[in-house]
Amino acid sequence: MSSKIRVLIADDHPIVRQGMELVLTTRNDMELVGQAVNGAEAVTFAVQLRPDVVVMDLQMPVKDGLTAIREIKKAEIDTRVLLLTSFPEDEKVIEAVQAGAAGVVLKESSPDRLVEAIRTVYDGDNVLHPAITRQLIHESRKSTVETTDPILTPRERDVLCCLAQGMTNRAIANELDISVRTVTTHVHSILDKLNASNRTQAAIYASDLCP
């Protein structure tokens, strides 16, 4: 039997936290491990509890979501962050994704959409609103990824194009008939060559490279 997805909620609004708690506790594959009421608590609880996924509001007191994401990433824990927002085109949302947020879900989304997004980022994929993807592509052409063309091997290009489709390492391995370990090696090499800090940035570069 597989382990449950351990989720930490970080939001300063009690109604939002209670709503998410109700949603998560009715899912058999999820476990709510904690609730933070501000960004500082989010960082502390993330380091202490090591959740699989943190569902984090962007606008919070003490520390905002962007600052909290950066500090969680610095802690180098195996935790994925799913950002909550009502404004997908907010510059801070773009910064949060660039800082390492694995996905963004709108506060207006249905409970099923939230659960789907949590499962998706837990599996290693990214969840991005189309408006965010467009803005990231625009930003990446200016500064996120080096403008000079990196020298990727043919296999690295294949892996990169799979990344652009949101495929997990296991799915890429099955698609290309190679081992997951080999895929992981290629992904690390791609990120290094593209000067990209995460899979999302690499996938953005692929928008110009892959059909």
N, C-alpha and C. Protein backbone atom coordinates (compact mmCIF):
# COMPACT_ATOMS: atom_id res chain seq x y z
N MET A 1 0.85 -1.20 0.00
CA MET A 1 0.00 0.00 0.00
C MET A 1 0.88 1.24 0.00
N SER A 2 0.60 2.18 -0.90
CA SER A 2 1.44 3.37 -1.01
C SER A 2 1.14 4.33 0.13
N SER A 3 2.13 5.11 0.51
CA SER A 3 1.96 6.08 1.59
C SER A 3 1.11 7.25 1.11
N LYS A 4 0.51 7.95 2.07
CA LYS A 4 -0.33 9.08 1.73
C LYS A 4 0.51 10.31 1.40
N ILE A 5 -0.07 11.22 0.64
CA ILE A 5 0.59 12.48 0.34
C ILE A 5 0.44 13.38 1.56
N ARG A 6 1.54 13.78 2.15
CA ARG A 6 1.52 14.59 3.36
C ARG A 6 1.48 16.07 2.97
N VAL A 7 0.44 16.76 3.40
CA VAL A 7 0.20 18.13 2.94
C VAL A 7 0.22 19.10 4.11
N LEU A 8 0.89 20.23 3.90
CA LEU A 8 0.88 21.36 4.84
C LEU A 8 0.14 22.51 4.18
N ILE A 9 -0.80 23.12 4.91
CA ILE A 9 -1.54 24.28 4.42
C ILE A 9 -0.93 25.54 5.02
N ALA A 10 -0.75 26.57 4.21
CA ALA A 10 -0.25 27.86 4.70
C ALA A 10 -1.13 28.97 4.13
N ASP A 11 -1.99 29.52 4.98
CA ASP A 11 -2.89 30.59 4.57
C ASP A 11 -3.35 31.34 5.82
N ASP A 12 -3.44 32.66 5.73
CA ASP A 12 -3.80 33.44 6.92
C ASP A 12 -5.31 33.59 7.11
N HIS A 13 -6.11 33.04 6.20
CA HIS A 13 -7.56 33.14 6.33
C HIS A 13 -8.13 31.83 6.88
N PRO A 14 -8.76 31.87 8.05
CA PRO A 14 -9.30 30.64 8.67
C PRO A 14 -10.29 29.91 7.78
N ILE A 15 -11.14 30.65 7.06
CA ILE A 15 -12.13 30.00 6.21
C ILE A 15 -11.47 29.20 5.10
N VAL A 16 -10.40 29.77 4.53
CA VAL A 16 -9.67 29.07 3.46
C VAL A 16 -9.03 27.80 4.02
N ARG A 17 -8.40 27.91 5.19
CA ARG A 17 -7.76 26.75 5.80
C ARG A 17 -8.79 25.67 6.13
N GLN A 18 -9.92 26.08 6.68
CA GLN A 18 -10.96 25.11 7.03
C GLN A 18 -11.52 24.43 5.80
N GLY A 19 -11.68 25.20 4.73
CA GLY A 19 -12.17 24.63 3.49
C GLY A 19 -11.21 23.60 2.91
N MET A 20 -9.92 23.93 2.89
CA MET A 20 -8.93 22.99 2.38
C MET A 20 -8.82 21.76 3.29
N GLU A 21 -8.93 21.98 4.59
CA GLU A 21 -8.88 20.85 5.53
C GLU A 21 -10.00 19.87 5.23
N LEU A 22 -11.20 20.39 5.01
CA LEU A 22 -12.34 19.54 4.70
C LEU A 22 -12.10 18.75 3.42
N VAL A 23 -11.55 19.43 2.42
CA VAL A 23 -11.28 18.76 1.14
C VAL A 23 -10.24 17.66 1.30
N LEU A 24 -9.15 17.96 1.99
CA LEU A 24 -8.05 17.01 2.09
C LEU A 24 -8.38 15.81 2.96
N THR A 25 -9.11 16.03 4.04
CA THR A 25 -9.41 14.93 4.96
C THR A 25 -10.43 13.95 4.40
N THR A 26 -11.06 14.30 3.28
CA THR A 26 -12.00 13.37 2.66
C THR A 26 -11.33 12.58 1.53
N ARG A 27 -10.04 12.79 1.32
CA ARG A 27 -9.29 12.05 0.30
C ARG A 27 -8.46 10.97 0.96
N ASN A 28 -8.63 9.74 0.51
CA ASN A 28 -7.96 8.61 1.15
C ASN A 28 -6.45 8.60 0.94
N ASP A 29 -5.99 9.30 -0.10
CA ASP A 29 -4.56 9.27 -0.41
C ASP A 29 -3.82 10.50 0.14
N MET A 30 -4.49 11.29 0.99
CA MET A 30 -3.86 12.51 1.51
C MET A 30 -3.96 12.60 3.02
N GLU A 31 -2.96 13.23 3.61
CA GLU A 31 -2.92 13.43 5.05
C GLU A 31 -2.52 14.88 5.35
N LEU A 32 -3.35 15.58 6.08
CA LEU A 32 -3.04 16.95 6.48
C LEU A 32 -2.15 16.91 7.72
N VAL A 33 -0.90 17.40 7.56
CA VAL A 33 0.07 17.28 8.66
C VAL A 33 0.22 18.56 9.46
N GLY A 34 -0.32 19.69 8.96
CA GLY A 34 -0.19 20.93 9.69
C GLY A 34 -0.81 22.11 8.97
N GLN A 35 -1.00 23.20 9.72
CA GLN A 35 -1.55 24.42 9.16
C GLN A 35 -0.74 25.61 9.67
N ALA A 36 -0.30 26.46 8.75
CA ALA A 36 0.45 27.66 9.09
C ALA A 36 -0.40 28.88 8.78
N VAL A 37 -0.30 29.91 9.65
CA VAL A 37 -1.13 31.10 9.47
C VAL A 37 -0.35 32.27 8.89
N ASN A 38 0.96 32.07 8.66
CA ASN A 38 1.78 33.11 8.03
C ASN A 38 2.99 32.46 7.38
N GLY A 39 3.75 33.25 6.63
CA GLY A 39 4.89 32.71 5.91
C GLY A 39 5.98 32.18 6.80
N ALA A 40 6.19 32.82 7.93
CA ALA A 40 7.23 32.37 8.86
C ALA A 40 6.90 30.98 9.40
N GLU A 41 5.64 30.78 9.79
CA GLU A 41 5.22 29.46 10.26
C GLU A 41 5.33 28.43 9.15
N ALA A 42 5.03 28.84 7.92
CA ALA A 42 5.11 27.92 6.78
C ALA A 42 6.52 27.36 6.64
N VAL A 43 7.51 28.23 6.77
CA VAL A 43 8.90 27.79 6.66
C VAL A 43 9.26 26.88 7.84
N THR A 44 8.91 27.29 9.04
CA THR A 44 9.24 26.49 10.24
C THR A 44 8.59 25.12 10.17
N PHE A 45 7.30 25.06 9.85
CA PHE A 45 6.59 23.79 9.79
C PHE A 45 7.10 22.92 8.64
N ALA A 46 7.44 23.53 7.52
CA ALA A 46 7.95 22.77 6.38
C ALA A 46 9.25 22.07 6.75
N VAL A 47 10.14 22.78 7.45
CA VAL A 47 11.42 22.20 7.85
C VAL A 47 11.22 21.12 8.92
N GLN A 48 10.31 21.37 9.84
CA GLN A 48 10.07 20.43 10.94
C GLN A 48 9.30 19.18 10.49
N LEU A 49 8.25 19.39 9.69
CA LEU A 49 7.35 18.30 9.34
C LEU A 49 7.71 17.59 8.05
N ARG A 50 8.51 18.24 7.20
CA ARG A 50 8.91 17.67 5.90
C ARG A 50 7.71 17.14 5.10
N PRO A 51 6.71 17.98 4.84
CA PRO A 51 5.56 17.52 4.06
C PRO A 51 5.96 17.25 2.61
N ASP A 52 5.16 16.47 1.92
CA ASP A 52 5.40 16.25 0.49
C ASP A 52 5.04 17.50 -0.31
N VAL A 53 3.94 18.14 0.09
CA VAL A 53 3.45 19.32 -0.63
C VAL A 53 3.02 20.39 0.36
N VAL A 54 3.42 21.63 0.10
CA VAL A 54 2.90 22.78 0.85
C VAL A 54 1.97 23.55 -0.07
N VAL A 55 0.70 23.70 0.34
CA VAL A 55 -0.24 24.53 -0.40
C VAL A 55 -0.18 25.90 0.25
N MET A 56 0.39 26.87 -0.47
CA MET A 56 0.75 28.15 0.14
C MET A 56 0.10 29.35 -0.53
N ASP A 57 -0.48 30.20 0.32
CA ASP A 57 -1.02 31.48 -0.15
C ASP A 57 0.14 32.42 -0.48
N LEU A 58 -0.05 33.29 -1.45
CA LEU A 58 1.01 34.23 -1.81
C LEU A 58 1.05 35.41 -0.86
N GLN A 59 -0.11 35.92 -0.49
CA GLN A 59 -0.19 37.11 0.37
C GLN A 59 -0.43 36.67 1.81
N MET A 60 0.59 36.75 2.65
CA MET A 60 0.48 36.38 4.05
C MET A 60 1.28 37.35 4.91
N PRO A 61 0.90 37.51 6.19
CA PRO A 61 1.65 38.40 7.09
C PRO A 61 2.98 37.77 7.52
N VAL A 62 3.81 38.60 8.17
CA VAL A 62 5.14 38.23 8.69
C VAL A 62 6.10 37.96 7.54
N LYS A 63 5.82 36.92 6.75
CA LYS A 63 6.57 36.65 5.52
C LYS A 63 5.56 36.28 4.45
N ASP A 64 5.73 36.83 3.25
CA ASP A 64 4.80 36.46 2.19
C ASP A 64 5.19 35.11 1.58
N GLY A 65 4.33 34.62 0.69
CA GLY A 65 4.57 33.31 0.10
C GLY A 65 5.86 33.24 -0.69
N LEU A 66 6.20 34.31 -1.39
CA LEU A 66 7.43 34.32 -2.19
C LEU A 66 8.66 34.14 -1.30
N THR A 67 8.72 34.90 -0.21
CA THR A 67 9.85 34.77 0.71
C THR A 67 9.89 33.37 1.32
N ALA A 68 8.73 32.85 1.68
CA ALA A 68 8.67 31.52 2.28
C ALA A 68 9.16 30.45 1.31
N ILE A 69 8.79 30.56 0.04
CA ILE A 69 9.25 29.60 -0.96
C ILE A 69 10.76 29.62 -1.07
N ARG A 70 11.31 30.81 -1.13
CA ARG A 70 12.77 30.93 -1.24
C ARG A 70 13.47 30.30 -0.05
N GLU A 71 12.93 30.50 1.15
CA GLU A 71 13.57 29.94 2.35
C GLU A 71 13.40 28.42 2.41
N ILE A 72 12.27 27.93 1.98
CA ILE A 72 12.07 26.47 1.94
C ILE A 72 13.04 25.83 0.95
N LYS A 73 13.24 26.48 -0.18
CA LYS A 73 14.18 25.95 -1.17
C LYS A 73 15.61 25.96 -0.63
N LYS A 74 15.96 27.00 0.12
CA LYS A 74 17.29 27.07 0.71
C LYS A 74 17.51 25.97 1.73
N ALA A 75 16.43 25.53 2.37
CA ALA A 75 16.53 24.47 3.38
C ALA A 75 16.83 23.11 2.75
N GLU A 76 16.66 23.02 1.42
CA GLU A 76 16.97 21.81 0.67
C GLU A 76 16.25 20.58 1.22
N ILE A 77 14.96 20.73 1.45
CA ILE A 77 14.14 19.61 1.87
C ILE A 77 13.33 19.14 0.66
N ASP A 78 12.93 17.89 0.69
CA ASP A 78 12.22 17.30 -0.44
C ASP A 78 10.73 17.63 -0.34
N THR A 79 10.42 18.91 -0.52
CA THR A 79 9.04 19.40 -0.41
C THR A 79 8.70 20.21 -1.65
N ARG A 80 7.55 19.96 -2.20
CA ARG A 80 7.07 20.71 -3.37
C ARG A 80 6.07 21.75 -2.91
N VAL A 81 6.10 22.92 -3.54
CA VAL A 81 5.21 24.02 -3.15
C VAL A 81 4.18 24.28 -4.25
N LEU A 82 2.91 24.28 -3.85
CA LEU A 82 1.81 24.63 -4.75
C LEU A 82 1.26 25.96 -4.28
N LEU A 83 1.34 26.96 -5.14
CA LEU A 83 0.96 28.32 -4.77
C LEU A 83 -0.53 28.57 -5.00
N LEU A 84 -1.16 29.24 -4.04
CA LEU A 84 -2.56 29.67 -4.17
C LEU A 84 -2.61 31.15 -4.49
N THR A 85 -3.41 31.53 -5.47
CA THR A 85 -3.53 32.95 -5.81
C THR A 85 -4.84 33.22 -6.53
N SER A 86 -5.29 34.45 -6.44
CA SER A 86 -6.44 34.90 -7.23
C SER A 86 -6.01 35.71 -8.43
N PHE A 87 -4.69 35.98 -8.51
CA PHE A 87 -4.17 36.86 -9.56
C PHE A 87 -2.99 36.20 -10.27
N PRO A 88 -3.26 35.33 -11.26
CA PRO A 88 -2.19 34.58 -11.93
C PRO A 88 -1.16 35.44 -12.66
N GLU A 89 -1.52 36.67 -13.02
CA GLU A 89 -0.58 37.52 -13.76
C GLU A 89 0.21 38.45 -12.85
N ASP A 90 0.02 38.32 -11.54
CA ASP A 90 0.80 39.10 -10.57
C ASP A 90 2.28 38.80 -10.74
N GLU A 91 3.11 39.83 -10.75
CA GLU A 91 4.55 39.65 -10.93
C GLU A 91 5.14 38.73 -9.87
N LYS A 92 4.60 38.78 -8.65
CA LYS A 92 5.13 37.93 -7.58
C LYS A 92 4.84 36.46 -7.83
N VAL A 93 3.77 36.16 -8.56
CA VAL A 93 3.48 34.78 -8.92
C VAL A 93 4.56 34.27 -9.87
N ILE A 94 4.92 35.10 -10.84
CA ILE A 94 5.99 34.73 -11.77
C ILE A 94 7.30 34.51 -11.01
N GLU A 95 7.60 35.42 -10.07
CA GLU A 95 8.81 35.29 -9.27
C GLU A 95 8.78 34.01 -8.43
N ALA A 96 7.61 33.66 -7.93
CA ALA A 96 7.49 32.46 -7.11
C ALA A 96 7.78 31.20 -7.91
N VAL A 97 7.29 31.15 -9.15
CA VAL A 97 7.58 30.00 -10.01
C VAL A 97 9.06 29.95 -10.34
N GLN A 98 9.64 31.11 -10.62
CA GLN A 98 11.07 31.17 -10.91
C GLN A 98 11.89 30.78 -9.68
N ALA A 99 11.33 31.04 -8.49
CA ALA A 99 12.04 30.70 -7.24
C ALA A 99 11.91 29.23 -6.89
N GLY A 100 11.00 28.52 -7.56
CA GLY A 100 10.91 27.09 -7.32
C GLY A 100 9.54 26.53 -7.04
N ALA A 101 8.49 27.34 -7.07
CA ALA A 101 7.14 26.81 -6.87
C ALA A 101 6.83 25.81 -7.99
N ALA A 102 6.31 24.66 -7.62
CA ALA A 102 6.05 23.61 -8.60
C ALA A 102 4.75 23.81 -9.35
N GLY A 103 3.90 24.67 -8.83
CA GLY A 103 2.64 24.87 -9.50
C GLY A 103 1.87 26.03 -8.91
N VAL A 104 0.83 26.43 -9.63
CA VAL A 104 -0.03 27.52 -9.21
C VAL A 104 -1.47 27.10 -9.44
N VAL A 105 -2.30 27.27 -8.43
CA VAL A 105 -3.72 26.96 -8.57
C VAL A 105 -4.52 28.18 -8.11
N LEU A 106 -5.57 28.50 -8.83
CA LEU A 106 -6.39 29.66 -8.50
C LEU A 106 -7.28 29.36 -7.30
N LYS A 107 -7.47 30.35 -6.46
CA LYS A 107 -8.33 30.18 -5.29
C LYS A 107 -9.77 29.90 -5.69
N GLU A 108 -10.13 30.31 -6.90
CA GLU A 108 -11.49 30.09 -7.37
C GLU A 108 -11.69 28.67 -7.90
N SER A 109 -10.63 27.86 -7.91
CA SER A 109 -10.72 26.51 -8.47
C SER A 109 -11.61 25.62 -7.61
N SER A 110 -12.10 24.57 -8.23
CA SER A 110 -12.95 23.61 -7.52
C SER A 110 -12.09 22.75 -6.60
N PRO A 111 -12.71 22.12 -5.58
CA PRO A 111 -11.96 21.21 -4.72
C PRO A 111 -11.25 20.10 -5.49
N ASP A 112 -11.92 19.56 -6.50
CA ASP A 112 -11.31 18.49 -7.30
C ASP A 112 -10.08 19.00 -8.03
N ARG A 113 -10.12 20.25 -8.50
CA ARG A 113 -8.96 20.82 -9.19
C ARG A 113 -7.79 20.99 -8.24
N LEU A 114 -8.07 21.41 -7.00
CA LEU A 114 -7.01 21.54 -6.00
C LEU A 114 -6.37 20.19 -5.72
N VAL A 115 -7.19 19.19 -5.53
CA VAL A 115 -6.68 17.85 -5.24
C VAL A 115 -5.85 17.33 -6.42
N GLU A 116 -6.34 17.54 -7.63
CA GLU A 116 -5.60 17.12 -8.83
C GLU A 116 -4.24 17.82 -8.90
N ALA A 117 -4.21 19.12 -8.57
CA ALA A 117 -2.96 19.87 -8.61
C ALA A 117 -1.98 19.35 -7.57
N ILE A 118 -2.46 19.03 -6.38
CA ILE A 118 -1.58 18.48 -5.33
C ILE A 118 -0.98 17.17 -5.80
N ARG A 119 -1.80 16.31 -6.35
CA ARG A 119 -1.30 15.01 -6.84
C ARG A 119 -0.29 15.20 -7.97
N THR A 120 -0.54 16.18 -8.83
CA THR A 120 0.35 16.41 -9.97
C THR A 120 1.73 16.86 -9.53
N VAL A 121 1.79 17.84 -8.63
CA VAL A 121 3.11 18.31 -8.19
C VAL A 121 3.80 17.25 -7.33
N TYR A 122 3.04 16.47 -6.59
CA TYR A 122 3.61 15.37 -5.81
C TYR A 122 4.30 14.35 -6.73
N ASP A 123 3.70 14.12 -7.90
CA ASP A 123 4.26 13.17 -8.86
C ASP A 123 5.46 13.73 -9.62
N GLY A 124 5.81 14.99 -9.36
CA GLY A 124 6.99 15.57 -9.99
C GLY A 124 6.71 16.44 -11.19
N ASP A 125 5.44 16.65 -11.50
CA ASP A 125 5.08 17.49 -12.62
C ASP A 125 4.78 18.91 -12.14
N ASN A 126 4.50 19.80 -13.09
CA ASN A 126 4.20 21.19 -12.77
C ASN A 126 2.77 21.53 -13.16
N VAL A 127 2.17 22.45 -12.43
CA VAL A 127 0.82 22.91 -12.72
C VAL A 127 0.88 24.42 -12.89
N LEU A 128 0.67 24.89 -14.12
CA LEU A 128 0.77 26.32 -14.38
C LEU A 128 -0.45 26.82 -15.14
N HIS A 129 -0.94 27.98 -14.74
CA HIS A 129 -2.03 28.65 -15.44
C HIS A 129 -1.49 29.16 -16.78
N PRO A 130 -2.28 29.10 -17.87
CA PRO A 130 -1.80 29.57 -19.18
C PRO A 130 -1.22 30.98 -19.16
N ALA A 131 -1.82 31.87 -18.38
CA ALA A 131 -1.31 33.25 -18.30
C ALA A 131 0.09 33.28 -17.71
N ILE A 132 0.35 32.40 -16.77
CA ILE A 132 1.68 32.33 -16.15
C ILE A 132 2.69 31.78 -17.14
N THR A 133 2.29 30.75 -17.87
CA THR A 133 3.19 30.16 -18.86
C THR A 133 3.60 31.19 -19.90
N ARG A 134 2.64 31.97 -20.38
CA ARG A 134 2.95 33.00 -21.38
C ARG A 134 3.94 34.02 -20.83
N GLN A 135 3.71 34.45 -19.60
CA GLN A 135 4.60 35.44 -19.01
C GLN A 135 5.98 34.87 -18.77
N LEU A 136 6.06 33.62 -18.36
CA LEU A 136 7.35 32.98 -18.13
C LEU A 136 8.14 32.85 -19.43
N ILE A 137 7.44 32.52 -20.50
CA ILE A 137 8.11 32.45 -21.80
C ILE A 137 8.69 33.81 -22.17
N HIS A 138 7.90 34.84 -21.94
CA HIS A 138 8.36 36.21 -22.23
C HIS A 138 9.58 36.56 -21.38
N GLU A 139 9.52 36.26 -20.09
CA GLU A 139 10.62 36.58 -19.19
C GLU A 139 11.86 35.76 -19.52
N SER A 140 11.64 34.49 -19.86
CA SER A 140 12.78 33.61 -20.12
C SER A 140 13.58 34.07 -21.32
N ARG A 141 12.91 34.65 -22.28
CA ARG A 141 13.61 35.13 -23.47
C ARG A 141 14.48 36.34 -23.17
N LYS A 142 14.21 36.96 -22.01
CA LYS A 142 15.01 38.12 -21.61
C LYS A 142 16.14 37.71 -20.66
N SER A 143 15.81 36.85 -19.66
CA SER A 143 16.83 36.63 -18.64
C SER A 143 16.83 35.28 -17.96
N THR A 144 15.73 34.55 -17.96
CA THR A 144 15.67 33.34 -17.15
C THR A 144 16.63 32.27 -17.63
N VAL A 145 16.71 32.08 -18.94
CA VAL A 145 17.61 31.09 -19.52
C VAL A 145 18.57 31.80 -20.46
N GLU A 146 19.77 31.35 -20.52
CA GLU A 146 20.77 31.99 -21.37
C GLU A 146 20.25 32.09 -22.80
N THR A 147 20.54 33.19 -23.45
CA THR A 147 20.06 33.40 -24.81
C THR A 147 20.89 32.64 -25.85
N THR A 148 22.12 32.30 -25.53
CA THR A 148 22.93 31.54 -26.47
C THR A 148 22.43 30.10 -26.50
N ASP A 149 22.46 29.49 -27.67
CA ASP A 149 21.96 28.13 -27.81
C ASP A 149 22.91 27.14 -27.14
N PRO A 150 22.42 26.38 -26.16
CA PRO A 150 23.26 25.37 -25.52
C PRO A 150 23.45 24.17 -26.44
N ILE A 151 24.50 23.43 -26.23
CA ILE A 151 24.75 22.25 -27.05
C ILE A 151 24.14 21.05 -26.33
N LEU A 152 22.95 20.67 -26.76
CA LEU A 152 22.28 19.49 -26.19
C LEU A 152 22.50 18.30 -27.12
N THR A 153 22.69 17.14 -26.54
CA THR A 153 22.77 15.94 -27.34
C THR A 153 21.38 15.61 -27.88
N PRO A 154 21.31 14.79 -28.94
CA PRO A 154 19.99 14.41 -29.46
C PRO A 154 19.09 13.81 -28.39
N ARG A 155 19.65 12.96 -27.53
CA ARG A 155 18.84 12.35 -26.48
C ARG A 155 18.38 13.39 -25.45
N GLU A 156 19.24 14.36 -25.14
CA GLU A 156 18.84 15.42 -24.22
C GLU A 156 17.70 16.25 -24.80
N ARG A 157 17.74 16.46 -26.11
CA ARG A 157 16.63 17.17 -26.75
C ARG A 157 15.33 16.38 -26.64
N ASP A 158 15.43 15.06 -26.81
CA ASP A 158 14.25 14.20 -26.67
C ASP A 158 13.67 14.32 -25.25
N VAL A 159 14.56 14.26 -24.26
CA VAL A 159 14.12 14.36 -22.87
C VAL A 159 13.51 15.72 -22.60
N LEU A 160 14.14 16.77 -23.13
CA LEU A 160 13.64 18.13 -22.93
C LEU A 160 12.23 18.29 -23.50
N CYS A 161 12.00 17.74 -24.67
CA CYS A 161 10.68 17.86 -25.29
C CYS A 161 9.63 17.09 -24.48
N CYS A 162 10.04 16.02 -23.86
CA CYS A 162 9.13 15.29 -22.98
C CYS A 162 8.83 16.12 -21.73
N LEU A 163 9.85 16.79 -21.21
CA LEU A 163 9.65 17.67 -20.06
C LEU A 163 8.63 18.75 -20.39
N ALA A 164 8.70 19.26 -21.60
CA ALA A 164 7.79 20.33 -22.02
C ALA A 164 6.34 19.87 -22.05
N GLN A 165 6.14 18.55 -22.12
CA GLN A 165 4.78 17.99 -22.12
C GLN A 165 4.31 17.68 -20.71
N GLY A 166 5.15 18.01 -19.71
CA GLY A 166 4.79 17.78 -18.32
C GLY A 166 4.94 16.35 -17.87
N MET A 167 5.76 15.57 -18.57
CA MET A 167 5.91 14.16 -18.24
C MET A 167 6.84 13.97 -17.05
N THR A 168 6.55 12.98 -16.22
CA THR A 168 7.42 12.63 -15.11
C THR A 168 8.63 11.87 -15.65
N ASN A 169 9.65 11.70 -14.80
CA ASN A 169 10.84 10.95 -15.23
C ASN A 169 10.48 9.52 -15.63
N ARG A 170 9.58 8.90 -14.88
CA ARG A 170 9.19 7.53 -15.21
C ARG A 170 8.47 7.47 -16.55
N ALA A 171 7.60 8.45 -16.79
CA ALA A 171 6.88 8.48 -18.06
C ALA A 171 7.85 8.71 -19.23
N ILE A 172 8.85 9.58 -19.00
CA ILE A 172 9.86 9.82 -20.04
C ILE A 172 10.65 8.54 -20.31
N ALA A 173 10.99 7.84 -19.26
CA ALA A 173 11.74 6.59 -19.41
C ALA A 173 10.95 5.60 -20.26
N ASN A 174 9.66 5.48 -20.00
CA ASN A 174 8.82 4.57 -20.78
C ASN A 174 8.70 5.03 -22.23
N GLU A 175 8.58 6.34 -22.42
CA GLU A 175 8.42 6.89 -23.76
C GLU A 175 9.67 6.67 -24.62
N LEU A 176 10.85 6.85 -24.00
CA LEU A 176 12.11 6.77 -24.75
C LEU A 176 12.81 5.42 -24.60
N ASP A 177 12.18 4.53 -23.83
CA ASP A 177 12.73 3.19 -23.63
C ASP A 177 14.15 3.24 -23.02
N ILE A 178 14.30 4.05 -21.97
CA ILE A 178 15.55 4.12 -21.22
C ILE A 178 15.21 4.03 -19.74
N SER A 179 16.22 3.91 -18.90
CA SER A 179 15.97 3.77 -17.47
C SER A 179 15.65 5.11 -16.83
N VAL A 180 14.97 5.06 -15.68
CA VAL A 180 14.67 6.29 -14.94
C VAL A 180 15.96 6.97 -14.50
N ARG A 181 16.94 6.18 -14.11
CA ARG A 181 18.23 6.74 -13.71
C ARG A 181 18.87 7.53 -14.86
N THR A 182 18.78 6.99 -16.07
CA THR A 182 19.33 7.69 -17.23
C THR A 182 18.57 8.99 -17.49
N VAL A 183 17.27 8.94 -17.34
CA VAL A 183 16.47 10.16 -17.51
C VAL A 183 16.91 11.22 -16.50
N THR A 184 17.07 10.81 -15.25
CA THR A 184 17.50 11.74 -14.20
C THR A 184 18.83 12.39 -14.54
N THR A 185 19.75 11.59 -15.06
CA THR A 185 21.06 12.12 -15.46
C THR A 185 20.91 13.15 -16.58
N HIS A 186 20.07 12.83 -17.54
CA HIS A 186 19.84 13.77 -18.66
C HIS A 186 19.20 15.07 -18.16
N VAL A 187 18.24 14.96 -17.26
CA VAL A 187 17.57 16.15 -16.74
C VAL A 187 18.57 17.06 -16.04
N HIS A 188 19.43 16.49 -15.21
CA HIS A 188 20.45 17.30 -14.52
C HIS A 188 21.36 17.99 -15.54
N SER A 189 21.75 17.28 -16.57
CA SER A 189 22.61 17.85 -17.60
C SER A 189 21.90 18.97 -18.35
N ILE A 190 20.62 18.77 -18.66
CA ILE A 190 19.84 19.79 -19.37
C ILE A 190 19.73 21.06 -18.55
N LEU A 191 19.41 20.92 -17.26
CA LEU A 191 19.28 22.09 -16.39
C LEU A 191 20.60 22.86 -16.31
N ASP A 192 21.69 22.12 -16.25
CA ASP A 192 23.00 22.76 -16.17
C ASP A 192 23.32 23.51 -17.46
N LYS A 193 23.07 22.89 -18.59
CA LYS A 193 23.39 23.52 -19.87
C LYS A 193 22.50 24.72 -20.18
N LEU A 194 21.26 24.66 -19.71
CA LEU A 194 20.33 25.77 -19.96
C LEU A 194 20.44 26.86 -18.91
N ASN A 195 21.25 26.61 -17.89
CA ASN A 195 21.34 27.54 -16.77
C ASN A 195 19.95 27.76 -16.16
N ALA A 196 19.18 26.68 -16.10
CA ALA A 196 17.82 26.72 -15.57
C ALA A 196 17.82 26.12 -14.16
N SER A 197 17.03 26.71 -13.26
CA SER A 197 17.03 26.25 -11.88
C SER A 197 16.01 25.15 -11.62
N ASN A 198 15.08 24.92 -12.55
CA ASN A 198 14.09 23.88 -12.33
C ASN A 198 13.52 23.40 -13.67
N ARG A 199 12.68 22.38 -13.59
CA ARG A 199 12.11 21.76 -14.79
C ARG A 199 11.20 22.73 -15.54
N THR A 200 10.54 23.60 -14.81
CA THR A 200 9.64 24.56 -15.45
C THR A 200 10.40 25.47 -16.40
N GLN A 201 11.54 25.99 -15.94
CA GLN A 201 12.34 26.86 -16.80
C GLN A 201 12.85 26.11 -18.02
N ALA A 202 13.24 24.86 -17.83
CA ALA A 202 13.70 24.05 -18.97
C ALA A 202 12.56 23.85 -19.97
N ALA A 203 11.37 23.59 -19.46
CA ALA A 203 10.22 23.38 -20.34
C ALA A 203 9.89 24.64 -21.13
N ILE A 204 10.10 25.80 -20.51
CA ILE A 204 9.86 27.07 -21.20
C ILE A 204 10.80 27.20 -22.39
N TYR A 205 12.08 26.87 -22.19
CA TYR A 205 13.03 26.92 -23.29
C TYR A 205 12.58 26.01 -24.42
N ALA A 206 12.02 24.86 -24.06
CA ALA A 206 11.61 23.87 -25.06
C ALA A 206 10.50 24.38 -25.95
N SER A 207 9.80 25.44 -25.53
CA SER A 207 8.71 25.97 -26.35
C SER A 207 9.21 26.47 -27.70
N ASP A 208 10.47 26.85 -27.76
CA ASP A 208 11.05 27.31 -29.02
C ASP A 208 11.78 26.18 -29.77
N LEU A 209 12.06 25.08 -29.06
CA LEU A 209 12.88 24.02 -29.62
C LEU A 209 12.06 22.84 -30.12
N CYS A 210 10.99 22.53 -29.42
CA CYS A 210 10.22 21.33 -29.72
C CYS A 210 8.98 21.66 -30.54
N PRO A 211 8.58 20.76 -31.41
CA PRO A 211 7.40 20.99 -32.24
C PRO A 211 6.13 20.97 -31.41
